[in-house]
Amino acid sequence: MLHRRDVIKGLLTTPWWAPELYAQATRGLPALKIEKVDVIATSPRPHYSWVFIKVHTSEPGVYGLGSANDRYLSWAAKAAIEKHLAPYWVGKDPDRIEDLWQSNHVRSYWRNGPITNVIQAALDSALWDIKGKRANMPVYQLLGGKARDAVPLYAHAGGPTFEACVEDVQSWMERGFRHVRIQMGGYGGGGLIPPGEGSRPESGFSGKAFDEETYIDTIPKLFEHVRDKLGWEVKLLHDVHEHLTPAAALELAKRFEPVRMFFVEDILPPEQD
């Protein structure tokens, strides 16, 4: 007598298309429907929240998890799910992932907003989680199989000075990391002018301020210093965090060329991409 797991192992060695593979793996199982959606709001640290959904189905023990995170509008995402979208999902067939995505997308008059999009992503993840659990196979197998055996991880390094950054990068390298992101004192660090300095009206803002030219002059020099001290074995990353205008972003990218950055993240704000 063949067990379900044995059947699935046999199917994985056969060149089936994903829908056929899934249909074979779930043959004989009852039809599913979404029974309820839990919205789980967390606060891992002050002033920071992360929203998850847990989609329960009519099959006992089969549920899916998804992340509906919006860093600055977490509670808006939570309310949108609880008040508007979760009631619409209840009773739907979780196998119809694309259909649910499309129906969610077009039921709103104003589409492609950040709240709607993070919720769509959460639902998508949760439904694929359900599909993988039900078929008793990893989701990547349903999506065409593995593309790679592993992916590199990167560590976050930083410090208030060039030397402090070098030491932090070196400490991560000693722990086995070969990809390290460096921020000088946090996002925007290296481009902040102290209170009262720089070109500003006497009666205007007098606190610490961000200055593009200072940033563009400082940050590439930081990475050149790291390269001089630690060589080319480590791959270097940096997050601009959308602080620059398009012209300044181009200038920064040119100045980064000699240090061969692995990637430069968010060099432009989304509306300038």
C-alpha atoms as a PDB file:
ATOM      1  CA  MET A   1       0.000   0.000   0.000  1.00  0.00           C
ATOM      2  CA  LEU A   2       1.434   3.335  -1.056  1.00  0.00           C
ATOM      3  CA  HIS A   3       1.486   6.201   1.392  1.00  0.00           C
ATOM      4  CA  ARG A   4       0.886   9.797   0.338  1.00  0.00           C
ATOM      5  CA  ARG A   5       4.511  10.783   1.011  1.00  0.00           C
ATOM      6  CA  ASP A   6       5.777   7.914  -1.189  1.00  0.00           C
ATOM      7  CA  VAL A   7       3.511   9.013  -4.028  1.00  0.00           C
ATOM      8  CA  ILE A   8       4.801  12.581  -3.754  1.00  0.00           C
ATOM      9  CA  LYS A   9       8.433  11.441  -3.781  1.00  0.00           C
ATOM     10  CA  GLY A  10       7.740   9.541  -6.971  1.00  0.00           C
ATOM     11  CA  LEU A  11       6.046  12.529  -8.564  1.00  0.00           C
ATOM     12  CA  LEU A  12       8.988  14.801  -7.791  1.00  0.00           C
ATOM     13  CA  THR A  13      11.212  12.662 -10.015  1.00  0.00           C
ATOM     14  CA  THR A  14       8.726  12.906 -12.902  1.00  0.00           C
ATOM     15  CA  PRO A  15       8.581  15.899 -15.300  1.00  0.00           C
ATOM     16  CA  TRP A  16       5.060  17.001 -14.292  1.00  0.00           C
ATOM     17  CA  TRP A  17       3.798  20.539 -14.682  1.00  0.00           C
ATOM     18  CA  ALA A  18       3.168  22.199 -11.301  1.00  0.00           C
ATOM     19  CA  PRO A  19      -0.675  22.170 -11.523  1.00  0.00           C
ATOM     20  CA  GLU A  20      -0.675  18.466 -12.330  1.00  0.00           C
ATOM     21  CA  LEU A  21       1.838  17.802  -9.576  1.00  0.00           C
ATOM     22  CA  TYR A  22      -0.343  19.591  -7.042  1.00  0.00           C
ATOM     23  CA  ALA A  23      -3.518  17.906  -8.301  1.00  0.00           C
ATOM     24  CA  GLN A  24      -1.927  14.462  -7.918  1.00  0.00           C
ATOM     25  CA  ALA A  25      -0.626  15.282  -4.428  1.00  0.00           C
ATOM     26  CA  THR A  26      -4.017  16.490  -3.179  1.00  0.00           C
ATOM     27  CA  ARG A  27      -6.302  14.038  -4.992  1.00  0.00           C
ATOM     28  CA  GLY A  28      -9.030  12.723  -2.731  1.00  0.00           C
ATOM     29  CA  LEU A  29      -8.750  15.565  -0.224  1.00  0.00           C
ATOM     30  CA  PRO A  30     -11.882  17.617   0.492  1.00  0.00           C
ATOM     31  CA  ALA A  31     -12.349  21.068  -1.036  1.00  0.00           C
ATOM     32  CA  LEU A  32     -10.970  23.911   1.050  1.00  0.00           C
ATOM     33  CA  LYS A  33     -12.366  27.242   2.079  1.00  0.00           C
ATOM     34  CA  ILE A  34     -11.040  30.088   4.205  1.00  0.00           C
ATOM     35  CA  GLU A  35     -12.792  30.003   7.571  1.00  0.00           C
ATOM     36  CA  LYS A  36     -11.227  32.945   9.413  1.00  0.00           C
ATOM     37  CA  VAL A  37      -8.248  35.294   9.382  1.00  0.00           C
ATOM     38  CA  ASP A  38      -6.290  36.292  12.485  1.00  0.00           C
ATOM     39  CA  VAL A  39      -4.418  39.592  12.380  1.00  0.00           C
ATOM     40  CA  ILE A  40      -1.369  39.430  14.637  1.00  0.00           C
ATOM     41  CA  ALA A  41       0.178  42.787  15.496  1.00  0.00           C
ATOM     42  CA  THR A  42       3.573  42.732  17.195  1.00  0.00           C
ATOM     43  CA  SER A  43       5.859  45.384  18.630  1.00  0.00           C
ATOM     44  CA  PRO A  44       9.394  43.970  18.805  1.00  0.00           C
ATOM     45  CA  ARG A  45      10.751  47.311  19.994  1.00  0.00           C
ATOM     46  CA  PRO A  46       9.372  50.779  20.836  1.00  0.00           C
ATOM     47  CA  HIS A  47       7.865  52.718  17.926  1.00  0.00           C
ATOM     48  CA  TYR A  48       8.108  49.709  15.618  1.00  0.00           C
ATOM     49  CA  SER A  49       5.340  47.319  14.677  1.00  0.00           C
ATOM     50  CA  TRP A  50       4.953  44.323  12.395  1.00  0.00           C
ATOM     51  CA  VAL A  51       1.642  42.859  11.243  1.00  0.00           C
ATOM     52  CA  PHE A  52       1.131  39.198  10.310  1.00  0.00           C
ATOM     53  CA  ILE A  53      -1.915  37.299   9.114  1.00  0.00           C
ATOM     54  CA  LYS A  54      -2.875  33.716   9.865  1.00  0.00           C
ATOM     55  CA  VAL A  55      -5.350  32.323   7.358  1.00  0.00           C
ATOM     56  CA  HIS A  56      -7.295  29.370   8.762  1.00  0.00           C
ATOM     57  CA  THR A  57      -8.921  26.826   6.461  1.00  0.00           C
ATOM     58  CA  SER A  58     -11.701  24.280   6.763  1.00  0.00           C
ATOM     59  CA  GLU A  59      -9.108  21.500   7.020  1.00  0.00           C
ATOM     60  CA  PRO A  60      -8.073  21.125  10.682  1.00  0.00           C
ATOM     61  CA  GLY A  61      -4.493  22.216  11.308  1.00  0.00           C
ATOM     62  CA  VAL A  62      -3.956  23.658   7.818  1.00  0.00           C
ATOM     63  CA  TYR A  63      -3.286  27.393   7.881  1.00  0.00           C
ATOM     64  CA  GLY A  64      -1.030  29.892   6.158  1.00  0.00           C
ATOM     65  CA  LEU A  65       1.096  32.769   7.439  1.00  0.00           C
ATOM     66  CA  GLY A  66       1.932  36.031   5.704  1.00  0.00           C
ATOM     67  CA  SER A  67       3.579  39.351   6.565  1.00  0.00           C
ATOM     68  CA  ALA A  68       1.606  42.569   5.961  1.00  0.00           C
ATOM     69  CA  ASN A  69       4.300  44.904   7.163  1.00  0.00           C
ATOM     70  CA  ASP A  70       4.283  48.616   6.494  1.00  0.00           C
ATOM     71  CA  ARG A  71       6.982  50.130   8.665  1.00  0.00           C
ATOM     72  CA  TYR A  72       5.217  53.436   9.291  1.00  0.00           C
ATOM     73  CA  LEU A  73       1.549  52.558   8.724  1.00  0.00           C
ATOM     74  CA  SER A  74       1.304  49.204  10.490  1.00  0.00           C
ATOM     75  CA  TRP A  75      -1.985  49.935  12.209  1.00  0.00           C
ATOM     76  CA  ALA A  76      -3.542  51.122   8.957  1.00  0.00           C
ATOM     77  CA  ALA A  77      -2.688  47.732   7.428  1.00  0.00           C
ATOM     78  CA  LYS A  78      -4.159  45.972  10.478  1.00  0.00           C
ATOM     79  CA  ALA A  79      -7.403  47.930  10.280  1.00  0.00           C
ATOM     80  CA  ALA A  80      -7.722  47.431   6.510  1.00  0.00           C
ATOM     81  CA  ILE A  81      -7.437  43.663   6.917  1.00  0.00           C
ATOM     82  CA  GLU A  82      -9.816  43.419   9.870  1.00  0.00           C
ATOM     83  CA  LYS A  83     -12.489  45.824   8.608  1.00  0.00           C
ATOM     84  CA  HIS A  84     -12.383  45.410   4.847  1.00  0.00           C
ATOM     85  CA  LEU A  85     -10.429  42.492   3.388  1.00  0.00           C
ATOM     86  CA  ALA A  86     -10.603  39.559   5.806  1.00  0.00           C
ATOM     87  CA  PRO A  87     -14.427  39.498   5.725  1.00  0.00           C
ATOM     88  CA  TYR A  88     -14.206  39.347   1.933  1.00  0.00           C
ATOM     89  CA  TRP A  89     -11.737  36.420   2.052  1.00  0.00           C
ATOM     90  CA  VAL A  90     -13.817  34.245   4.390  1.00  0.00           C
ATOM     91  CA  GLY A  91     -15.568  31.517   2.441  1.00  0.00           C
ATOM     92  CA  LYS A  92     -13.251  31.796  -0.564  1.00  0.00           C
ATOM     93  CA  ASP A  93     -11.221  28.889  -1.993  1.00  0.00           C
ATOM     94  CA  PRO A  94      -7.556  29.339  -0.887  1.00  0.00           C
ATOM     95  CA  ASP A  95      -6.384  27.233  -3.836  1.00  0.00           C
ATOM     96  CA  ARG A  96      -7.392  30.022  -6.229  1.00  0.00           C
ATOM     97  CA  ILE A  97      -4.393  32.208  -5.431  1.00  0.00           C
ATOM     98  CA  GLU A  98      -4.286  34.220  -8.654  1.00  0.00           C
ATOM     99  CA  ASP A  99      -8.050  34.679  -8.699  1.00  0.00           C
ATOM    100  CA  LEU A 100      -8.029  36.004  -5.143  1.00  0.00           C
ATOM    101  CA  TRP A 101      -5.150  38.349  -5.949  1.00  0.00           C
ATOM    102  CA  GLN A 102      -6.980  39.764  -8.964  1.00  0.00           C
ATOM    103  CA  SER A 103     -10.312  40.121  -7.175  1.00  0.00           C
ATOM    104  CA  ASN A 104      -8.633  41.891  -4.235  1.00  0.00           C
ATOM    105  CA  HIS A 105      -6.846  44.202  -6.637  1.00  0.00           C
ATOM    106  CA  VAL A 106      -9.870  45.309  -8.660  1.00  0.00           C
ATOM    107  CA  ARG A 107     -12.395  45.617  -5.817  1.00  0.00           C
ATOM    108  CA  SER A 108     -10.744  48.879  -4.737  1.00  0.00           C
ATOM    109  CA  TYR A 109     -11.223  52.010  -6.820  1.00  0.00           C
ATOM    110  CA  TRP A 110      -7.773  53.379  -5.878  1.00  0.00           C
ATOM    111  CA  ARG A 111      -5.345  50.564  -6.607  1.00  0.00           C
ATOM    112  CA  ASN A 112      -1.627  49.950  -6.071  1.00  0.00           C
ATOM    113  CA  GLY A 113      -1.512  51.849  -2.789  1.00  0.00           C
ATOM    114  CA  PRO A 114       1.119  50.795  -0.215  1.00  0.00           C
ATOM    115  CA  ILE A 115      -1.419  49.432   2.278  1.00  0.00           C
ATOM    116  CA  THR A 116      -3.249  47.364  -0.336  1.00  0.00           C
ATOM    117  CA  ASN A 117       0.009  46.043  -1.762  1.00  0.00           C
ATOM    118  CA  VAL A 118       1.477  44.824   1.540  1.00  0.00           C
ATOM    119  CA  ILE A 119      -1.821  43.104   2.334  1.00  0.00           C
ATOM    120  CA  GLN A 120      -1.888  41.484  -1.109  1.00  0.00           C
ATOM    121  CA  ALA A 121       1.647  40.205  -0.492  1.00  0.00           C
ATOM    122  CA  ALA A 122       0.649  38.813   2.908  1.00  0.00           C
ATOM    123  CA  LEU A 123      -2.343  36.976   1.477  1.00  0.00           C
ATOM    124  CA  ASP A 124      -0.262  35.619  -1.409  1.00  0.00           C
ATOM    125  CA  SER A 125       2.357  34.247   1.007  1.00  0.00           C
ATOM    126  CA  ALA A 126      -0.273  32.721   3.283  1.00  0.00           C
ATOM    127  CA  LEU A 127      -2.086  30.976   0.434  1.00  0.00           C
ATOM    128  CA  TRP A 128       1.132  29.532  -0.989  1.00  0.00           C
ATOM    129  CA  ASP A 129       1.981  28.372   2.539  1.00  0.00           C
ATOM    130  CA  ILE A 130      -1.350  26.537   2.644  1.00  0.00           C
ATOM    131  CA  LYS A 131      -0.812  25.029  -0.797  1.00  0.00           C
ATOM    132  CA  GLY A 132       2.644  23.728   0.123  1.00  0.00           C
ATOM    133  CA  LYS A 133       1.432  22.235   3.405  1.00  0.00           C
ATOM    134  CA  ARG A 134      -1.502  20.558   1.721  1.00  0.00           C
ATOM    135  CA  ALA A 135       0.649  19.037  -1.002  1.00  0.00           C
ATOM    136  CA  ASN A 136       3.226  18.053   1.654  1.00  0.00           C
ATOM    137  CA  MET A 137       6.059  19.572  -0.365  1.00  0.00           C
ATOM    138  CA  PRO A 138       8.101  22.778  -0.297  1.00  0.00           C
ATOM    139  CA  VAL A 139       6.486  25.678  -2.149  1.00  0.00           C
ATOM    140  CA  TYR A 140       9.525  26.093  -4.406  1.00  0.00           C
ATOM    141  CA  GLN A 141       8.750  22.670  -5.851  1.00  0.00           C
ATOM    142  CA  LEU A 142       5.306  23.918  -6.885  1.00  0.00           C
ATOM    143  CA  LEU A 143       6.906  26.975  -8.498  1.00  0.00           C
ATOM    144  CA  GLY A 144       9.327  25.096 -10.739  1.00  0.00           C
ATOM    145  CA  GLY A 145      11.953  23.719  -8.383  1.00  0.00           C
ATOM    146  CA  LYS A 146      15.126  25.091  -6.847  1.00  0.00           C
ATOM    147  CA  ALA A 147      17.132  27.774  -8.595  1.00  0.00           C
ATOM    148  CA  ARG A 148      20.034  27.620  -6.109  1.00  0.00           C
ATOM    149  CA  ASP A 149      21.161  25.558  -3.140  1.00  0.00           C
ATOM    150  CA  ALA A 150      21.874  28.481  -0.810  1.00  0.00           C
ATOM    151  CA  VAL A 151      21.887  32.272  -0.644  1.00  0.00           C
ATOM    152  CA  PRO A 152      24.454  34.548   1.011  1.00  0.00           C
ATOM    153  CA  LEU A 153      23.570  36.509   4.137  1.00  0.00           C
ATOM    154  CA  TYR A 154      24.834  39.954   4.955  1.00  0.00           C
ATOM    155  CA  ALA A 155      25.570  41.535   8.313  1.00  0.00           C
ATOM    156  CA  HIS A 156      24.999  45.124   9.463  1.00  0.00           C
ATOM    157  CA  ALA A 157      28.115  47.034  10.513  1.00  0.00           C
ATOM    158  CA  GLY A 158      28.575  50.636  11.526  1.00  0.00           C
ATOM    159  CA  GLY A 159      30.124  53.123  13.860  1.00  0.00           C
ATOM    160  CA  PRO A 160      30.680  56.840  14.456  1.00  0.00           C
ATOM    161  CA  THR A 161      34.122  56.920  12.771  1.00  0.00           C
ATOM    162  CA  PHE A 162      35.929  55.306   9.844  1.00  0.00           C
ATOM    163  CA  GLU A 163      38.018  53.154  12.193  1.00  0.00           C
ATOM    164  CA  ALA A 164      34.994  52.042  14.197  1.00  0.00           C
ATOM    165  CA  CYS A 165      33.326  50.910  10.953  1.00  0.00           C
ATOM    166  CA  VAL A 166      36.442  48.976   9.926  1.00  0.00           C
ATOM    167  CA  GLU A 167      36.554  47.196  13.282  1.00  0.00           C
ATOM    168  CA  ASP A 168      32.883  46.260  13.085  1.00  0.00           C
ATOM    169  CA  VAL A 169      33.208  44.927   9.529  1.00  0.00           C
ATOM    170  CA  GLN A 170      36.247  42.921  10.566  1.00  0.00           C
ATOM    171  CA  SER A 171      34.355  41.404  13.498  1.00  0.00           C
ATOM    172  CA  TRP A 172      31.635  40.163  11.112  1.00  0.00           C
ATOM    173  CA  MET A 173      34.233  38.767   8.733  1.00  0.00           C
ATOM    174  CA  GLU A 174      35.762  36.817  11.606  1.00  0.00           C
ATOM    175  CA  ARG A 175      32.329  35.274  12.187  1.00  0.00           C
ATOM    176  CA  GLY A 176      32.223  34.055   8.594  1.00  0.00           C
ATOM    177  CA  PHE A 177      30.300  36.816   6.834  1.00  0.00           C
ATOM    178  CA  ARG A 178      31.574  37.838   3.404  1.00  0.00           C
ATOM    179  CA  HIS A 179      28.841  40.394   2.679  1.00  0.00           C
ATOM    180  CA  VAL A 180      28.634  43.358   5.058  1.00  0.00           C
ATOM    181  CA  ARG A 181      26.496  46.479   4.919  1.00  0.00           C
ATOM    182  CA  ILE A 182      28.040  49.609   6.419  1.00  0.00           C
ATOM    183  CA  GLN A 183      26.226  52.650   7.764  1.00  0.00           C
ATOM    184  CA  MET A 184      28.208  55.433   9.402  1.00  0.00           C
ATOM    185  CA  GLY A 185      26.244  56.140  12.555  1.00  0.00           C
ATOM    186  CA  GLY A 186      22.919  55.064  11.077  1.00  0.00           C
ATOM    187  CA  TYR A 187      20.933  56.116   8.015  1.00  0.00           C
ATOM    188  CA  GLY A 188      22.121  59.489   6.715  1.00  0.00           C
ATOM    189  CA  GLY A 189      25.222  59.312   8.901  1.00  0.00           C
ATOM    190  CA  GLY A 190      28.215  60.990   7.323  1.00  0.00           C
ATOM    191  CA  GLY A 191      25.966  63.628   5.807  1.00  0.00           C
ATOM    192  CA  LEU A 192      24.671  65.391   8.897  1.00  0.00           C
ATOM    193  CA  ILE A 193      25.721  68.958   9.642  1.00  0.00           C
ATOM    194  CA  PRO A 194      25.905  69.908  13.340  1.00  0.00           C
ATOM    195  CA  PRO A 195      23.428  72.449  14.745  1.00  0.00           C
ATOM    196  CA  GLY A 196      24.171  76.015  13.696  1.00  0.00           C
ATOM    197  CA  GLU A 197      26.537  75.089  10.850  1.00  0.00           C
ATOM    198  CA  GLY A 198      26.048  75.124   7.082  1.00  0.00           C
ATOM    199  CA  SER A 199      24.094  77.475   4.851  1.00  0.00           C
ATOM    200  CA  ARG A 200      20.794  78.155   6.538  1.00  0.00           C
ATOM    201  CA  PRO A 201      18.734  81.242   7.342  1.00  0.00           C
ATOM    202  CA  GLU A 202      19.510  82.821  10.684  1.00  0.00           C
ATOM    203  CA  SER A 203      15.877  82.570  11.674  1.00  0.00           C
ATOM    204  CA  GLY A 204      15.383  79.097  10.183  1.00  0.00           C
ATOM    205  CA  PHE A 205      15.893  75.539  11.442  1.00  0.00           C
ATOM    206  CA  SER A 206      18.995  75.391  13.641  1.00  0.00           C
ATOM    207  CA  GLY A 207      19.210  71.688  14.541  1.00  0.00           C
ATOM    208  CA  LYS A 208      21.215  68.852  13.009  1.00  0.00           C
ATOM    209  CA  ALA A 209      20.524  68.730   9.249  1.00  0.00           C
ATOM    210  CA  PHE A 210      21.241  66.432   6.320  1.00  0.00           C
ATOM    211  CA  ASP A 211      23.429  67.811   3.533  1.00  0.00           C
ATOM    212  CA  GLU A 212      23.822  65.991   0.205  1.00  0.00           C
ATOM    213  CA  GLU A 213      27.257  67.361  -0.601  1.00  0.00           C
ATOM    214  CA  THR A 214      28.666  66.404   2.792  1.00  0.00           C
ATOM    215  CA  TYR A 215      27.213  62.900   2.430  1.00  0.00           C
ATOM    216  CA  ILE A 216      28.557  62.412  -1.116  1.00  0.00           C
ATOM    217  CA  ASP A 217      31.981  63.607  -0.004  1.00  0.00           C
ATOM    218  CA  THR A 218      32.132  61.449   3.160  1.00  0.00           C
ATOM    219  CA  ILE A 219      30.583  58.059   2.408  1.00  0.00           C
ATOM    220  CA  PRO A 220      32.704  57.007  -0.616  1.00  0.00           C
ATOM    221  CA  LYS A 221      35.806  57.928   1.413  1.00  0.00           C
ATOM    222  CA  LEU A 222      34.566  55.648   4.196  1.00  0.00           C
ATOM    223  CA  PHE A 223      34.310  52.718   1.776  1.00  0.00           C
ATOM    224  CA  GLU A 224      37.721  53.481   0.271  1.00  0.00           C
ATOM    225  CA  HIS A 225      39.134  53.371   3.798  1.00  0.00           C
ATOM    226  CA  VAL A 226      37.470  50.014   4.481  1.00  0.00           C
ATOM    227  CA  ARG A 227      38.893  48.622   1.214  1.00  0.00           C
ATOM    228  CA  ASP A 228      42.379  49.890   2.105  1.00  0.00           C
ATOM    229  CA  LYS A 229      42.221  48.207   5.506  1.00  0.00           C
ATOM    230  CA  LEU A 230      40.379  44.964   4.718  1.00  0.00           C
ATOM    231  CA  GLY A 231      41.028  44.310   1.038  1.00  0.00           C
ATOM    232  CA  TRP A 232      38.739  42.824  -1.580  1.00  0.00           C
ATOM    233  CA  GLU A 233      37.619  39.594   0.067  1.00  0.00           C
ATOM    234  CA  VAL A 234      34.588  41.206   1.670  1.00  0.00           C
ATOM    235  CA  LYS A 235      31.667  42.392  -0.465  1.00  0.00           C
ATOM    236  CA  LEU A 236      30.423  45.809   0.636  1.00  0.00           C
ATOM    237  CA  LEU A 237      26.859  47.138   0.792  1.00  0.00           C
ATOM    238  CA  HIS A 238      25.321  50.471   1.727  1.00  0.00           C
ATOM    239  CA  ASP A 239      21.786  51.831   2.200  1.00  0.00           C
ATOM    240  CA  VAL A 240      21.297  55.461   1.162  1.00  0.00           C
ATOM    241  CA  HIS A 241      17.743  55.306   2.506  1.00  0.00           C
ATOM    242  CA  GLU A 242      16.331  57.570  -0.201  1.00  0.00           C
ATOM    243  CA  HIS A 243      18.123  60.709   0.984  1.00  0.00           C
ATOM    244  CA  LEU A 244      19.337  61.924  -2.410  1.00  0.00           C
ATOM    245  CA  THR A 245      18.050  63.776  -5.436  1.00  0.00           C
ATOM    246  CA  PRO A 246      18.563  62.074  -8.830  1.00  0.00           C
ATOM    247  CA  ALA A 247      21.619  64.212  -9.688  1.00  0.00           C
ATOM    248  CA  ALA A 248      23.215  63.521  -6.303  1.00  0.00           C
ATOM    249  CA  ALA A 249      22.468  59.792  -6.623  1.00  0.00           C
ATOM    250  CA  LEU A 250      24.324  59.662  -9.947  1.00  0.00           C
ATOM    251  CA  GLU A 251      27.311  61.436  -8.433  1.00  0.00           C
ATOM    252  CA  LEU A 252      27.404  59.060  -5.462  1.00  0.00           C
ATOM    253  CA  ALA A 253      27.225  56.029  -7.764  1.00  0.00           C
ATOM    254  CA  LYS A 254      30.173  57.308  -9.807  1.00  0.00           C
ATOM    255  CA  ARG A 255      32.262  57.846  -6.686  1.00  0.00           C
ATOM    256  CA  PHE A 256      31.457  54.311  -5.513  1.00  0.00           C
ATOM    257  CA  GLU A 257      32.811  52.702  -8.711  1.00  0.00           C
ATOM    258  CA  PRO A 258      36.445  52.279  -7.505  1.00  0.00           C
ATOM    259  CA  VAL A 259      35.372  50.229  -4.450  1.00  0.00           C
ATOM    260  CA  ARG A 260      33.127  47.857  -6.457  1.00  0.00           C
ATOM    261  CA  MET A 261      30.003  47.868  -4.295  1.00  0.00           C
ATOM    262  CA  PHE A 262      27.988  44.651  -4.114  1.00  0.00           C
ATOM    263  CA  PHE A 263      24.848  46.780  -3.984  1.00  0.00           C
ATOM    264  CA  VAL A 264      23.731  50.276  -3.046  1.00  0.00           C
ATOM    265  CA  GLU A 265      20.228  50.171  -1.612  1.00  0.00           C
ATOM    266  CA  ASP A 266      17.490  52.794  -2.014  1.00  0.00           C
ATOM    267  CA  ILE A 267      19.747  55.298  -3.733  1.00  0.00           C
ATOM    268  CA  LEU A 268      16.575  57.098  -4.928  1.00  0.00           C
ATOM    269  CA  PRO A 269      13.139  57.523  -3.369  1.00  0.00           C
ATOM    270  CA  PRO A 270      10.467  55.364  -5.058  1.00  0.00           C
ATOM    271  CA  GLU A 271       8.821  58.314  -6.779  1.00  0.00           C
ATOM    272  CA  GLN A 272      12.130  59.105  -8.542  1.00  0.00           C
ATOM    273  CA  ASP A 273      12.876  55.562  -9.772  1.00  0.00           C
END
